[in-house]
Amino acid sequence: MQGTIATFDPGTRSGTLLLDDGSELAFGADAFDRSGLRLLRLGQRVSIDAEPGGAVRRVLIPGIA
């Protein structure tokens, strides 16, 4: 699943994504920490790994392993 960073708070390491279907999805610090990233920018294109229930497991930058 892919989307765009709508909000990101570096202090809490959490934010929201605007998915390609127009829906918004929140992610927490755990999902950001699993990504190995240090920062996300508003408008940045990302993909996510999601749990079967839909919770975000990890935020990834497309094309970067």
PDB file of N, CA and C in Angstrom:
ATOM      1  N   MET A   1       0.849  -1.160   0.000  1.00  0.00           N
ATOM      2  CA  MET A   1       0.000   0.000   0.000  1.00  0.00           C
ATOM      3  C   MET A   1       0.906   1.237   0.000  1.00  0.00           C
ATOM      4  N   GLN A   2       0.517   2.259  -0.742  1.00  0.00           N
ATOM      5  CA  GLN A   2       1.326   3.463  -0.824  1.00  0.00           C
ATOM      6  C   GLN A   2       0.502   4.706  -0.520  1.00  0.00           C
ATOM      7  N   GLY A   3       1.211   5.756  -0.133  1.00  0.00           N
ATOM      8  CA  GLY A   3       0.556   7.016   0.163  1.00  0.00           C
ATOM      9  C   GLY A   3       1.587   8.120   0.328  1.00  0.00           C
ATOM     10  N   THR A   4       1.124   9.234   0.879  1.00  0.00           N
ATOM     11  CA  THR A   4       1.936  10.422   1.058  1.00  0.00           C
ATOM     12  C   THR A   4       1.877  10.843   2.521  1.00  0.00           C
ATOM     13  N   ILE A   5       2.995  11.298   3.062  1.00  0.00           N
ATOM     14  CA  ILE A   5       3.023  11.762   4.444  1.00  0.00           C
ATOM     15  C   ILE A   5       2.187  13.042   4.542  1.00  0.00           C
ATOM     16  N   ALA A   6       1.137  12.990   5.367  1.00  0.00           N
ATOM     17  CA  ALA A   6       0.274  14.161   5.577  1.00  0.00           C
ATOM     18  C   ALA A   6       0.726  14.944   6.805  1.00  0.00           C
ATOM     19  N   THR A   7       1.100  14.230   7.864  1.00  0.00           N
ATOM     20  CA  THR A   7       1.630  14.869   9.071  1.00  0.00           C
ATOM     21  C   THR A   7       2.740  13.989   9.622  1.00  0.00           C
ATOM     22  N   PHE A   8       3.715  14.620  10.273  1.00  0.00           N
ATOM     23  CA  PHE A   8       4.754  13.869  10.974  1.00  0.00           C
ATOM     24  C   PHE A   8       5.301  14.747  12.085  1.00  0.00           C
ATOM     25  N   ASP A   9       5.332  14.207  13.296  1.00  0.00           N
ATOM     26  CA  ASP A   9       5.865  14.910  14.458  1.00  0.00           C
ATOM     27  C   ASP A   9       7.166  14.218  14.867  1.00  0.00           C
ATOM     28  N   PRO A  10       8.317  14.864  14.637  1.00  0.00           N
ATOM     29  CA  PRO A  10       9.594  14.234  14.995  1.00  0.00           C
ATOM     30  C   PRO A  10       9.730  13.953  16.485  1.00  0.00           C
ATOM     31  N   GLY A  11       9.042  14.727  17.309  1.00  0.00           N
ATOM     32  CA  GLY A  11       9.113  14.515  18.756  1.00  0.00           C
ATOM     33  C   GLY A  11       8.462  13.219  19.185  1.00  0.00           C
ATOM     34  N   THR A  12       7.297  12.923  18.632  1.00  0.00           N
ATOM     35  CA  THR A  12       6.592  11.688  18.991  1.00  0.00           C
ATOM     36  C   THR A  12       6.882  10.559  18.007  1.00  0.00           C
ATOM     37  N   ARG A  13       7.518  10.904  16.873  1.00  0.00           N
ATOM     38  CA  ARG A  13       7.839   9.947  15.798  1.00  0.00           C
ATOM     39  C   ARG A  13       6.580   9.258  15.262  1.00  0.00           C
ATOM     40  N   SER A  14       5.472   9.999  15.209  1.00  0.00           N
ATOM     41  CA  SER A  14       4.216   9.463  14.688  1.00  0.00           C
ATOM     42  C   SER A  14       3.628  10.454  13.692  1.00  0.00           C
ATOM     43  N   GLY A  15       2.641   9.977  12.931  1.00  0.00           N
ATOM     44  CA  GLY A  15       2.032  10.852  11.946  1.00  0.00           C
ATOM     45  C   GLY A  15       0.872  10.198  11.247  1.00  0.00           C
ATOM     46  N   THR A  16       0.494  10.781  10.117  1.00  0.00           N
ATOM     47  CA  THR A  16      -0.590  10.242   9.305  1.00  0.00           C
ATOM     48  C   THR A  16      -0.181  10.206   7.845  1.00  0.00           C
ATOM     49  N   LEU A  17      -0.775   9.257   7.143  1.00  0.00           N
ATOM     50  CA  LEU A  17      -0.561   9.084   5.705  1.00  0.00           C
ATOM     51  C   LEU A  17      -1.863   9.377   4.988  1.00  0.00           C
ATOM     52  N   LEU A  18      -1.767   9.962   3.820  1.00  0.00           N
ATOM     53  CA  LEU A  18      -2.908  10.078   2.922  1.00  0.00           C
ATOM     54  C   LEU A  18      -2.713   8.993   1.871  1.00  0.00           C
ATOM     55  N   LEU A  19      -3.532   7.946   1.962  1.00  0.00           N
ATOM     56  CA  LEU A  19      -3.388   6.802   1.050  1.00  0.00           C
ATOM     57  C   LEU A  19      -3.879   7.161  -0.342  1.00  0.00           C
ATOM     58  N   ASP A  20      -3.481   6.370  -1.318  1.00  0.00           N
ATOM     59  CA  ASP A  20      -3.854   6.617  -2.712  1.00  0.00           C
ATOM     60  C   ASP A  20      -5.359   6.602  -2.949  1.00  0.00           C
ATOM     61  N   ASP A  21      -6.098   5.894  -2.083  1.00  0.00           N
ATOM     62  CA  ASP A  21      -7.555   5.862  -2.251  1.00  0.00           C
ATOM     63  C   ASP A  21      -8.245   7.062  -1.588  1.00  0.00           C
ATOM     64  N   GLY A  22      -7.439   7.983  -1.016  1.00  0.00           N
ATOM     65  CA  GLY A  22      -7.981   9.189  -0.403  1.00  0.00           C
ATOM     66  C   GLY A  22      -8.227   9.080   1.089  1.00  0.00           C
ATOM     67  N   SER A  23      -8.077   7.890   1.646  1.00  0.00           N
ATOM     68  CA  SER A  23      -8.300   7.732   3.082  1.00  0.00           C
ATOM     69  C   SER A  23      -7.037   8.102   3.861  1.00  0.00           C
ATOM     70  N   GLU A  24      -7.237   8.419   5.132  1.00  0.00           N
ATOM     71  CA  GLU A  24      -6.126   8.790   6.001  1.00  0.00           C
ATOM     72  C   GLU A  24      -5.852   7.644   6.965  1.00  0.00           C
ATOM     73  N   LEU A  25      -4.586   7.395   7.244  1.00  0.00           N
ATOM     74  CA  LEU A  25      -4.193   6.296   8.113  1.00  0.00           C
ATOM     75  C   LEU A  25      -3.088   6.780   9.036  1.00  0.00           C
ATOM     76  N   ALA A  26      -3.277   6.604  10.336  1.00  0.00           N
ATOM     77  CA  ALA A  26      -2.279   7.028  11.323  1.00  0.00           C
ATOM     78  C   ALA A  26      -1.230   5.941  11.513  1.00  0.00           C
ATOM     79  N   PHE A  27      -0.009   6.374  11.843  1.00  0.00           N
ATOM     80  CA  PHE A  27       1.039   5.425  12.229  1.00  0.00           C
ATOM     81  C   PHE A  27       1.703   5.941  13.490  1.00  0.00           C
ATOM     82  N   GLY A  28       2.139   5.007  14.314  1.00  0.00           N
ATOM     83  CA  GLY A  28       2.758   5.361  15.588  1.00  0.00           C
ATOM     84  C   GLY A  28       4.272   5.279  15.547  1.00  0.00           C
ATOM     85  N   ALA A  29       4.871   5.589  16.675  1.00  0.00           N
ATOM     86  CA  ALA A  29       6.329   5.591  16.789  1.00  0.00           C
ATOM     87  C   ALA A  29       6.923   4.217  16.494  1.00  0.00           C
ATOM     88  N   ASP A  30       6.237   3.146  16.881  1.00  0.00           N
ATOM     89  CA  ASP A  30       6.759   1.795  16.618  1.00  0.00           C
ATOM     90  C   ASP A  30       6.940   1.549  15.126  1.00  0.00           C
ATOM     91  N   ALA A  31       5.958   1.961  14.320  1.00  0.00           N
ATOM     92  CA  ALA A  31       6.038   1.773  12.864  1.00  0.00           C
ATOM     93  C   ALA A  31       7.181   2.594  12.282  1.00  0.00           C
ATOM     94  N   PHE A  32       7.348   3.825  12.767  1.00  0.00           N
ATOM     95  CA  PHE A  32       8.445   4.665  12.290  1.00  0.00           C
ATOM     96  C   PHE A  32       9.783   4.075  12.723  1.00  0.00           C
ATOM     97  N   ASP A  33       9.901   3.646  13.964  1.00  0.00           N
ATOM     98  CA  ASP A  33      11.158   3.083  14.470  1.00  0.00           C
ATOM     99  C   ASP A  33      11.583   1.839  13.688  1.00  0.00           C
ATOM    100  N   ARG A  34      10.624   1.016  13.282  1.00  0.00           N
ATOM    101  CA  ARG A  34      10.937  -0.195  12.502  1.00  0.00           C
ATOM    102  C   ARG A  34      11.439   0.132  11.100  1.00  0.00           C
ATOM    103  N   SER A  35      11.193   1.346  10.635  1.00  0.00           N
ATOM    104  CA  SER A  35      11.568   1.721   9.273  1.00  0.00           C
ATOM    105  C   SER A  35      13.069   1.900   9.113  1.00  0.00           C
ATOM    106  N   GLY A  36      13.760   2.262  10.201  1.00  0.00           N
ATOM    107  CA  GLY A  36      15.184   2.552  10.108  1.00  0.00           C
ATOM    108  C   GLY A  36      15.453   3.955   9.592  1.00  0.00           C
ATOM    109  N   LEU A  37      14.395   4.729   9.351  1.00  0.00           N
ATOM    110  CA  LEU A  37      14.541   6.103   8.866  1.00  0.00           C
ATOM    111  C   LEU A  37      14.781   7.044  10.044  1.00  0.00           C
ATOM    112  N   ARG A  38      15.305   8.227   9.745  1.00  0.00           N
ATOM    113  CA  ARG A  38      15.517   9.220  10.794  1.00  0.00           C
ATOM    114  C   ARG A  38      14.531  10.365  10.728  1.00  0.00           C
ATOM    115  N   LEU A  39      13.905  10.568   9.563  1.00  0.00           N
ATOM    116  CA  LEU A  39      12.999  11.693   9.380  1.00  0.00           C
ATOM    117  C   LEU A  39      12.082  11.428   8.200  1.00  0.00           C
ATOM    118  N   LEU A  40      10.888  11.978   8.268  1.00  0.00           N
ATOM    119  CA  LEU A  40       9.967  11.965   7.139  1.00  0.00           C
ATOM    120  C   LEU A  40       9.560  13.406   6.846  1.00  0.00           C
ATOM    121  N   ARG A  41       9.384  13.732   5.570  1.00  0.00           N
ATOM    122  CA  ARG A  41       8.969  15.072   5.149  1.00  0.00           C
ATOM    123  C   ARG A  41       7.501  15.052   4.735  1.00  0.00           C
ATOM    124  N   LEU A  42       6.810  16.152   4.981  1.00  0.00           N
ATOM    125  CA  LEU A  42       5.433  16.273   4.506  1.00  0.00           C
ATOM    126  C   LEU A  42       5.438  16.162   2.989  1.00  0.00           C
ATOM    127  N   GLY A  43       4.509  15.403   2.450  1.00  0.00           N
ATOM    128  CA  GLY A  43       4.421  15.200   1.010  1.00  0.00           C
ATOM    129  C   GLY A  43       5.309  14.090   0.481  1.00  0.00           C
ATOM    130  N   GLN A  44       6.115  13.491   1.345  1.00  0.00           N
ATOM    131  CA  GLN A  44       7.009  12.415   0.908  1.00  0.00           C
ATOM    132  C   GLN A  44       6.207  11.164   0.583  1.00  0.00           C
ATOM    133  N   ARG A  45       6.561  10.531  -0.508  1.00  0.00           N
ATOM    134  CA  ARG A  45       5.898   9.304  -0.957  1.00  0.00           C
ATOM    135  C   ARG A  45       6.449   8.129  -0.151  1.00  0.00           C
ATOM    136  N   VAL A  46       5.562   7.293   0.390  1.00  0.00           N
ATOM    137  CA  VAL A  46       5.973   6.138   1.184  1.00  0.00           C
ATOM    138  C   VAL A  46       5.101   4.933   0.852  1.00  0.00           C
ATOM    139  N   SER A  47       5.607   3.781   1.219  1.00  0.00           N
ATOM    140  CA  SER A  47       4.795   2.570   1.206  1.00  0.00           C
ATOM    141  C   SER A  47       4.775   2.052   2.636  1.00  0.00           C
ATOM    142  N   ILE A  48       3.815   1.196   2.941  1.00  0.00           N
ATOM    143  CA  ILE A  48       3.710   0.673   4.298  1.00  0.00           C
ATOM    144  C   ILE A  48       3.561  -0.836   4.285  1.00  0.00           C
ATOM    145  N   ASP A  49       4.055  -1.438   5.354  1.00  0.00           N
ATOM    146  CA  ASP A  49       3.730  -2.819   5.681  1.00  0.00           C
ATOM    147  C   ASP A  49       2.626  -2.728   6.714  1.00  0.00           C
ATOM    148  N   ALA A  50       1.538  -3.456   6.510  1.00  0.00           N
ATOM    149  CA  ALA A  50       0.415  -3.389   7.444  1.00  0.00           C
ATOM    150  C   ALA A  50       0.146  -4.759   8.057  1.00  0.00           C
ATOM    151  N   GLU A  51      -0.344  -4.732   9.275  1.00  0.00           N
ATOM    152  CA  GLU A  51      -0.792  -5.941   9.974  1.00  0.00           C
ATOM    153  C   GLU A  51      -2.083  -6.424   9.309  1.00  0.00           C
ATOM    154  N   PRO A  52      -2.471  -7.693   9.511  1.00  0.00           N
ATOM    155  CA  PRO A  52      -3.730  -8.177   8.931  1.00  0.00           C
ATOM    156  C   PRO A  52      -4.938  -7.323   9.325  1.00  0.00           C
ATOM    157  N   GLY A  53      -4.927  -6.724  10.509  1.00  0.00           N
ATOM    158  CA  GLY A  53      -6.038  -5.879  10.948  1.00  0.00           C
ATOM    159  C   GLY A  53      -5.991  -4.466  10.391  1.00  0.00           C
ATOM    160  N   GLY A  54      -4.923  -4.124   9.644  1.00  0.00           N
ATOM    161  CA  GLY A  54      -4.811  -2.820   9.023  1.00  0.00           C
ATOM    162  C   GLY A  54      -3.874  -1.854   9.718  1.00  0.00           C
ATOM    163  N   ALA A  55      -3.393  -2.195  10.923  1.00  0.00           N
ATOM    164  CA  ALA A  55      -2.465  -1.297  11.627  1.00  0.00           C
ATOM    165  C   ALA A  55      -1.137  -1.239  10.872  1.00  0.00           C
ATOM    166  N   VAL A  56      -0.527  -0.070  10.839  1.00  0.00           N
ATOM    167  CA  VAL A  56       0.748   0.117  10.144  1.00  0.00           C
ATOM    168  C   VAL A  56       1.864  -0.535  10.954  1.00  0.00           C
ATOM    169  N   ARG A  57       2.582  -1.433  10.321  1.00  0.00           N
ATOM    170  CA  ARG A  57       3.702  -2.113  10.983  1.00  0.00           C
ATOM    171  C   ARG A  57       5.012  -1.382  10.717  1.00  0.00           C
ATOM    172  N   ARG A  58       5.187  -0.869   9.492  1.00  0.00           N
ATOM    173  CA  ARG A  58       6.438  -0.221   9.119  1.00  0.00           C
ATOM    174  C   ARG A  58       6.202   0.741   7.967  1.00  0.00           C
ATOM    175  N   VAL A  59       6.869   1.887   8.005  1.00  0.00           N
ATOM    176  CA  VAL A  59       6.800   2.893   6.958  1.00  0.00           C
ATOM    177  C   VAL A  59       8.085   2.803   6.140  1.00  0.00           C
ATOM    178  N   LEU A  60       7.968   2.733   4.826  1.00  0.00           N
ATOM    179  CA  LEU A  60       9.129   2.537   3.950  1.00  0.00           C
ATOM    180  C   LEU A  60       9.146   3.570   2.833  1.00  0.00           C
ATOM    181  N   ILE A  61      10.329   3.877   2.359  1.00  0.00           N
ATOM    182  CA  ILE A  61      10.450   4.716   1.168  1.00  0.00           C
ATOM    183  C   ILE A  61      10.545   3.787  -0.045  1.00  0.00           C
ATOM    184  N   PRO A  62       9.644   3.926  -1.030  1.00  0.00           N
ATOM    185  CA  PRO A  62       9.659   3.023  -2.180  1.00  0.00           C
ATOM    186  C   PRO A  62      11.023   3.030  -2.877  1.00  0.00           C
ATOM    187  N   GLY A  63      11.493   1.844  -3.209  1.00  0.00           N
ATOM    188  CA  GLY A  63      12.760   1.697  -3.911  1.00  0.00           C
ATOM    189  C   GLY A  63      13.963   1.594  -3.000  1.00  0.00           C
ATOM    190  N   ILE A  64      13.762   1.801  -1.692  1.00  0.00           N
ATOM    191  CA  ILE A  64      14.874   1.679  -0.737  1.00  0.00           C
ATOM    192  C   ILE A  64      14.568   0.507   0.161  1.00  0.00           C
ATOM    193  N   ALA A  65      15.475  -0.445   0.201  1.00  0.00           N
ATOM    194  CA  ALA A  65      15.241  -1.672   0.991  1.00  0.00           C
ATOM    195  C   ALA A  65      15.325  -1.422   2.467  1.00  0.00           C
TER     196      ALA A  65
END
